[in-house]
Amino acid sequence: MYINFGNQYGSPSVLWYTEQKLSDGITCPLCGATANTIKKTGKAGCAKCYEVFASVLDPYIKRIHGSVTHNGRIPGGGTPEQKQEREISQLRQQLKSAVEAEDYLKAAELRDRIRELEGK
């Protein structure tokens, strides 16, 4: 599986200036992709590449997607702990929005709900 980090014209512009950060000696143990390959193609070879080359790829992934954590669906809905963690995360986002909108009553309600879920 290849994930393309190239720009809309297909060139690997995202990784152009990482030459000094990427060491050609690093190799993914799963697919054999090298730092040089990723630099040239703008594509990670497999999921393990994201772990092996995380220090270089994470800033670009965050810039492109806004986050380096997956916020999509969880197969089977996830464990109760995962559901609670996701609810807390959503409540924190709502709390931030409420404070920015100066809706302090709603913010206090959200804060209390977060504390309740966290067991504080």
N, C-alpha and C. Protein backbone atom coordinates (compact mmCIF):
# COMPACT_ATOMS: atom_id res chain seq x y z
N MET A 1 0.84 -1.18 0.00
CA MET A 1 0.00 0.00 0.00
C MET A 1 0.88 1.24 0.00
N TYR A 2 0.63 2.16 -0.89
CA TYR A 2 1.39 3.39 -0.96
C TYR A 2 0.50 4.58 -0.65
N ILE A 3 0.98 5.46 0.19
CA ILE A 3 0.30 6.71 0.50
C ILE A 3 1.08 7.81 -0.20
N ASN A 4 0.44 8.55 -1.06
CA ASN A 4 1.13 9.58 -1.84
C ASN A 4 1.12 10.91 -1.10
N PHE A 5 2.30 11.47 -0.89
CA PHE A 5 2.43 12.78 -0.28
C PHE A 5 2.77 13.83 -1.33
N GLY A 6 2.62 13.49 -2.59
CA GLY A 6 2.95 14.42 -3.65
C GLY A 6 1.91 15.52 -3.75
N ASN A 7 2.23 16.58 -4.48
CA ASN A 7 1.27 17.66 -4.64
C ASN A 7 0.26 17.31 -5.72
N GLN A 8 -0.61 18.23 -6.06
CA GLN A 8 -1.68 17.94 -7.02
C GLN A 8 -1.16 17.59 -8.41
N TYR A 9 0.10 17.93 -8.71
CA TYR A 9 0.67 17.62 -10.01
C TYR A 9 1.48 16.33 -9.99
N GLY A 10 1.51 15.64 -8.83
CA GLY A 10 2.18 14.36 -8.74
C GLY A 10 3.61 14.40 -8.28
N SER A 11 4.20 15.57 -8.13
CA SER A 11 5.59 15.61 -7.68
C SER A 11 5.66 15.54 -6.16
N PRO A 12 6.68 14.92 -5.62
CA PRO A 12 6.79 14.74 -4.17
C PRO A 12 7.28 16.00 -3.46
N SER A 13 6.52 17.09 -3.58
CA SER A 13 6.96 18.38 -3.04
C SER A 13 7.01 18.41 -1.53
N VAL A 14 6.20 17.60 -0.86
CA VAL A 14 6.14 17.63 0.59
C VAL A 14 7.47 17.28 1.23
N LEU A 15 8.23 16.39 0.60
CA LEU A 15 9.46 15.92 1.21
C LEU A 15 10.73 16.49 0.55
N TRP A 16 10.60 17.52 -0.23
CA TRP A 16 11.75 18.08 -0.94
C TRP A 16 12.90 18.45 -0.03
N TYR A 17 12.60 19.17 1.01
CA TYR A 17 13.67 19.74 1.82
C TYR A 17 13.97 18.94 3.08
N THR A 18 13.77 17.64 3.01
CA THR A 18 14.08 16.79 4.16
C THR A 18 15.38 16.02 3.97
N GLU A 19 16.14 16.36 2.95
CA GLU A 19 17.37 15.62 2.64
C GLU A 19 18.27 15.46 3.86
N GLN A 20 18.47 16.52 4.60
CA GLN A 20 19.38 16.46 5.73
C GLN A 20 18.76 15.71 6.92
N LYS A 21 17.42 15.69 7.00
CA LYS A 21 16.77 14.99 8.11
C LYS A 21 16.70 13.49 7.86
N LEU A 22 16.55 13.11 6.61
CA LEU A 22 16.42 11.69 6.28
C LEU A 22 17.79 11.06 6.08
N SER A 23 18.02 10.01 6.79
CA SER A 23 19.27 9.28 6.63
C SER A 23 19.03 8.13 5.66
N ASP A 24 19.86 8.01 4.65
CA ASP A 24 19.69 6.93 3.68
C ASP A 24 19.90 5.56 4.30
N GLY A 25 20.47 5.50 5.48
CA GLY A 25 20.73 4.22 6.13
C GLY A 25 19.52 3.61 6.80
N ILE A 26 18.46 4.38 7.01
CA ILE A 26 17.26 3.86 7.67
C ILE A 26 16.43 3.09 6.66
N THR A 27 16.01 1.88 7.06
CA THR A 27 15.20 1.03 6.20
C THR A 27 14.03 0.47 6.99
N CYS A 28 12.86 0.43 6.38
CA CYS A 28 11.69 -0.17 7.02
C CYS A 28 11.89 -1.68 7.08
N PRO A 29 11.78 -2.28 8.27
CA PRO A 29 11.99 -3.73 8.38
C PRO A 29 10.87 -4.55 7.74
N LEU A 30 9.71 -3.95 7.50
CA LEU A 30 8.59 -4.71 6.95
C LEU A 30 8.59 -4.73 5.43
N CYS A 31 8.72 -3.56 4.81
CA CYS A 31 8.61 -3.50 3.35
C CYS A 31 9.92 -3.20 2.65
N GLY A 32 10.95 -2.81 3.43
CA GLY A 32 12.24 -2.54 2.84
C GLY A 32 12.40 -1.14 2.27
N ALA A 33 11.39 -0.30 2.42
CA ALA A 33 11.49 1.07 1.91
C ALA A 33 12.62 1.80 2.64
N THR A 34 13.31 2.63 1.92
CA THR A 34 14.39 3.41 2.52
C THR A 34 13.96 4.87 2.62
N ALA A 35 14.68 5.61 3.43
CA ALA A 35 14.41 7.03 3.55
C ALA A 35 14.58 7.71 2.20
N ASN A 36 15.55 7.25 1.44
CA ASN A 36 15.80 7.83 0.12
C ASN A 36 14.63 7.58 -0.82
N THR A 37 14.03 6.39 -0.75
CA THR A 37 12.88 6.06 -1.59
C THR A 37 11.71 6.98 -1.26
N ILE A 38 11.45 7.15 0.03
CA ILE A 38 10.34 8.01 0.45
C ILE A 38 10.61 9.45 0.01
N LYS A 39 11.85 9.87 0.13
CA LYS A 39 12.22 11.23 -0.27
C LYS A 39 11.99 11.44 -1.76
N LYS A 40 12.36 10.45 -2.57
CA LYS A 40 12.24 10.59 -4.02
C LYS A 40 10.81 10.46 -4.52
N THR A 41 10.04 9.51 -3.97
CA THR A 41 8.69 9.25 -4.47
C THR A 41 7.61 10.02 -3.73
N GLY A 42 7.89 10.40 -2.47
CA GLY A 42 6.85 11.04 -1.67
C GLY A 42 5.83 10.05 -1.18
N LYS A 43 6.17 8.77 -1.19
CA LYS A 43 5.24 7.71 -0.79
C LYS A 43 5.86 6.85 0.30
N ALA A 44 5.05 6.52 1.32
CA ALA A 44 5.48 5.56 2.34
C ALA A 44 5.11 4.18 1.83
N GLY A 45 5.97 3.19 2.07
CA GLY A 45 5.74 1.85 1.53
C GLY A 45 4.70 1.02 2.25
N CYS A 46 4.56 1.23 3.57
CA CYS A 46 3.61 0.44 4.36
C CYS A 46 3.31 1.18 5.66
N ALA A 47 2.45 0.60 6.48
CA ALA A 47 2.07 1.23 7.74
C ALA A 47 3.27 1.34 8.68
N LYS A 48 4.16 0.37 8.64
CA LYS A 48 5.34 0.38 9.51
C LYS A 48 6.25 1.57 9.19
N CYS A 49 6.26 2.02 7.95
CA CYS A 49 7.07 3.18 7.55
C CYS A 49 6.72 4.41 8.39
N TYR A 50 5.44 4.52 8.76
CA TYR A 50 5.02 5.68 9.55
C TYR A 50 5.64 5.64 10.95
N GLU A 51 5.93 4.45 11.46
CA GLU A 51 6.62 4.34 12.74
C GLU A 51 8.12 4.58 12.57
N VAL A 52 8.70 3.94 11.58
CA VAL A 52 10.14 4.03 11.36
C VAL A 52 10.56 5.46 11.02
N PHE A 53 9.78 6.14 10.19
CA PHE A 53 10.12 7.49 9.74
C PHE A 53 9.24 8.55 10.40
N ALA A 54 8.68 8.25 11.57
CA ALA A 54 7.74 9.15 12.25
C ALA A 54 8.31 10.53 12.51
N SER A 55 9.55 10.61 12.93
CA SER A 55 10.12 11.91 13.28
C SER A 55 10.16 12.86 12.09
N VAL A 56 10.22 12.31 10.89
CA VAL A 56 10.25 13.15 9.70
C VAL A 56 8.85 13.33 9.12
N LEU A 57 8.05 12.26 9.09
CA LEU A 57 6.74 12.32 8.44
C LEU A 57 5.67 13.04 9.27
N ASP A 58 5.71 12.90 10.60
CA ASP A 58 4.65 13.46 11.43
C ASP A 58 4.40 14.95 11.22
N PRO A 59 5.43 15.80 11.14
CA PRO A 59 5.14 17.22 10.91
C PRO A 59 4.40 17.48 9.60
N TYR A 60 4.72 16.72 8.55
CA TYR A 60 4.06 16.90 7.26
C TYR A 60 2.64 16.38 7.30
N ILE A 61 2.43 15.24 7.95
CA ILE A 61 1.08 14.68 8.08
C ILE A 61 0.21 15.65 8.87
N LYS A 62 0.76 16.21 9.95
CA LYS A 62 0.00 17.16 10.76
C LYS A 62 -0.36 18.40 9.95
N ARG A 63 0.58 18.88 9.15
CA ARG A 63 0.31 20.06 8.34
C ARG A 63 -0.77 19.78 7.29
N ILE A 64 -0.75 18.62 6.70
CA ILE A 64 -1.71 18.27 5.65
C ILE A 64 -3.09 17.95 6.23
N HIS A 65 -3.12 17.12 7.29
CA HIS A 65 -4.39 16.62 7.82
C HIS A 65 -4.85 17.30 9.10
N GLY A 66 -3.98 18.11 9.72
CA GLY A 66 -4.37 18.80 10.94
C GLY A 66 -4.09 17.99 12.20
N SER A 67 -3.74 16.74 12.06
CA SER A 67 -3.48 15.88 13.21
C SER A 67 -2.71 14.65 12.76
N VAL A 68 -2.00 14.03 13.70
CA VAL A 68 -1.31 12.79 13.36
C VAL A 68 -2.03 11.58 13.95
N THR A 69 -3.15 11.81 14.62
CA THR A 69 -3.93 10.71 15.16
C THR A 69 -5.14 10.44 14.27
N HIS A 70 -5.51 9.18 14.17
CA HIS A 70 -6.65 8.79 13.37
C HIS A 70 -7.93 9.07 14.15
N ASN A 71 -8.86 9.78 13.54
CA ASN A 71 -10.12 10.11 14.20
C ASN A 71 -11.31 9.50 13.48
N GLY A 72 -11.06 8.50 12.69
CA GLY A 72 -12.13 7.87 11.93
C GLY A 72 -12.88 6.84 12.75
N ARG A 73 -13.62 6.02 12.08
CA ARG A 73 -14.43 5.01 12.73
C ARG A 73 -13.55 3.91 13.32
N ILE A 74 -14.06 3.33 14.40
CA ILE A 74 -13.38 2.21 15.04
C ILE A 74 -14.20 0.96 14.76
N PRO A 75 -13.58 -0.11 14.22
CA PRO A 75 -14.34 -1.33 13.93
C PRO A 75 -15.07 -1.84 15.16
N GLY A 76 -16.34 -2.14 14.99
CA GLY A 76 -17.14 -2.67 16.10
C GLY A 76 -17.45 -1.62 17.15
N GLY A 77 -17.16 -0.37 16.87
CA GLY A 77 -17.45 0.69 17.83
C GLY A 77 -16.37 0.88 18.88
N GLY A 78 -15.44 -0.05 18.98
CA GLY A 78 -14.35 0.07 19.94
C GLY A 78 -14.71 -0.40 21.33
N THR A 79 -13.72 -0.38 22.20
CA THR A 79 -13.93 -0.79 23.58
C THR A 79 -14.61 0.34 24.34
N PRO A 80 -15.18 0.05 25.50
CA PRO A 80 -15.79 1.11 26.30
C PRO A 80 -14.80 2.23 26.64
N GLU A 81 -13.54 1.86 26.87
CA GLU A 81 -12.52 2.87 27.17
C GLU A 81 -12.28 3.78 25.97
N GLN A 82 -12.25 3.19 24.77
CA GLN A 82 -12.05 3.99 23.56
C GLN A 82 -13.23 4.92 23.32
N LYS A 83 -14.43 4.43 23.57
CA LYS A 83 -15.63 5.26 23.40
C LYS A 83 -15.60 6.43 24.38
N GLN A 84 -15.20 6.16 25.62
CA GLN A 84 -15.14 7.21 26.62
C GLN A 84 -14.06 8.24 26.26
N GLU A 85 -12.92 7.76 25.81
CA GLU A 85 -11.84 8.65 25.41
C GLU A 85 -12.27 9.54 24.25
N ARG A 86 -12.99 8.96 23.29
CA ARG A 86 -13.48 9.74 22.16
C ARG A 86 -14.51 10.77 22.61
N GLU A 87 -15.40 10.39 23.52
CA GLU A 87 -16.40 11.33 24.03
C GLU A 87 -15.73 12.50 24.75
N ILE A 88 -14.72 12.19 25.56
CA ILE A 88 -13.99 13.24 26.27
C ILE A 88 -13.31 14.18 25.27
N SER A 89 -12.72 13.63 24.22
CA SER A 89 -12.07 14.43 23.20
C SER A 89 -13.07 15.36 22.52
N GLN A 90 -14.24 14.84 22.19
CA GLN A 90 -15.28 15.65 21.56
C GLN A 90 -15.77 16.74 22.51
N LEU A 91 -15.93 16.39 23.78
CA LEU A 91 -16.37 17.39 24.76
C LEU A 91 -15.33 18.49 24.93
N ARG A 92 -14.05 18.14 24.88
CA ARG A 92 -13.00 19.15 24.98
C ARG A 92 -13.04 20.11 23.80
N GLN A 93 -13.31 19.59 22.62
CA GLN A 93 -13.44 20.46 21.44
C GLN A 93 -14.64 21.40 21.61
N GLN A 94 -15.76 20.87 22.10
CA GLN A 94 -16.93 21.69 22.34
C GLN A 94 -16.65 22.74 23.41
N LEU A 95 -15.90 22.35 24.45
CA LEU A 95 -15.54 23.28 25.51
C LEU A 95 -14.70 24.42 24.95
N LYS A 96 -13.74 24.10 24.12
CA LYS A 96 -12.90 25.13 23.50
C LYS A 96 -13.75 26.09 22.68
N SER A 97 -14.69 25.56 21.91
CA SER A 97 -15.56 26.40 21.10
C SER A 97 -16.46 27.28 21.97
N ALA A 98 -16.96 26.71 23.07
CA ALA A 98 -17.83 27.46 23.97
C ALA A 98 -17.08 28.62 24.62
N VAL A 99 -15.83 28.39 25.01
CA VAL A 99 -15.03 29.45 25.62
C VAL A 99 -14.73 30.53 24.59
N GLU A 100 -14.39 30.13 23.36
CA GLU A 100 -14.12 31.11 22.31
C GLU A 100 -15.35 31.95 22.00
N ALA A 101 -16.54 31.33 22.11
CA ALA A 101 -17.80 32.05 21.87
C ALA A 101 -18.27 32.78 23.13
N GLU A 102 -17.50 32.68 24.20
CA GLU A 102 -17.82 33.30 25.50
C GLU A 102 -19.15 32.81 26.07
N ASP A 103 -19.47 31.56 25.79
CA ASP A 103 -20.66 30.92 26.36
C ASP A 103 -20.21 30.15 27.60
N TYR A 104 -20.03 30.89 28.69
CA TYR A 104 -19.41 30.33 29.88
C TYR A 104 -20.31 29.34 30.63
N LEU A 105 -21.61 29.50 30.51
CA LEU A 105 -22.52 28.54 31.15
C LEU A 105 -22.37 27.17 30.49
N LYS A 106 -22.38 27.16 29.17
CA LYS A 106 -22.20 25.89 28.44
C LYS A 106 -20.81 25.32 28.71
N ALA A 107 -19.79 26.20 28.77
CA ALA A 107 -18.43 25.76 29.04
C ALA A 107 -18.34 25.08 30.40
N ALA A 108 -19.01 25.64 31.41
CA ALA A 108 -19.00 25.06 32.75
C ALA A 108 -19.68 23.69 32.75
N GLU A 109 -20.78 23.57 32.01
CA GLU A 109 -21.47 22.27 31.91
C GLU A 109 -20.57 21.22 31.25
N LEU A 110 -19.89 21.63 30.19
CA LEU A 110 -18.99 20.72 29.49
C LEU A 110 -17.81 20.32 30.38
N ARG A 111 -17.25 21.30 31.08
CA ARG A 111 -16.13 21.03 32.01
C ARG A 111 -16.54 20.00 33.06
N ASP A 112 -17.74 20.19 33.62
CA ASP A 112 -18.24 19.26 34.64
C ASP A 112 -18.44 17.86 34.08
N ARG A 113 -18.95 17.76 32.85
CA ARG A 113 -19.16 16.46 32.22
C ARG A 113 -17.82 15.76 31.97
N ILE A 114 -16.83 16.54 31.53
CA ILE A 114 -15.49 15.97 31.29
C ILE A 114 -14.92 15.44 32.60
N ARG A 115 -15.03 16.21 33.66
CA ARG A 115 -14.53 15.77 34.97
C ARG A 115 -15.24 14.51 35.44
N GLU A 116 -16.53 14.45 35.18
CA GLU A 116 -17.32 13.28 35.57
C GLU A 116 -16.82 12.03 34.84
N LEU A 117 -16.59 12.17 33.54
CA LEU A 117 -16.11 11.04 32.73
C LEU A 117 -14.68 10.62 33.12
N GLU A 118 -13.86 11.60 33.47
CA GLU A 118 -12.49 11.30 33.85
C GLU A 118 -12.39 10.77 35.27
N GLY A 119 -13.47 10.85 36.00
CA GLY A 119 -13.48 10.33 37.37
C GLY A 119 -12.80 11.23 38.38
N LYS A 120 -12.74 12.52 38.09
CA LYS A 120 -12.10 13.47 38.99
C LYS A 120 -13.10 14.05 39.95
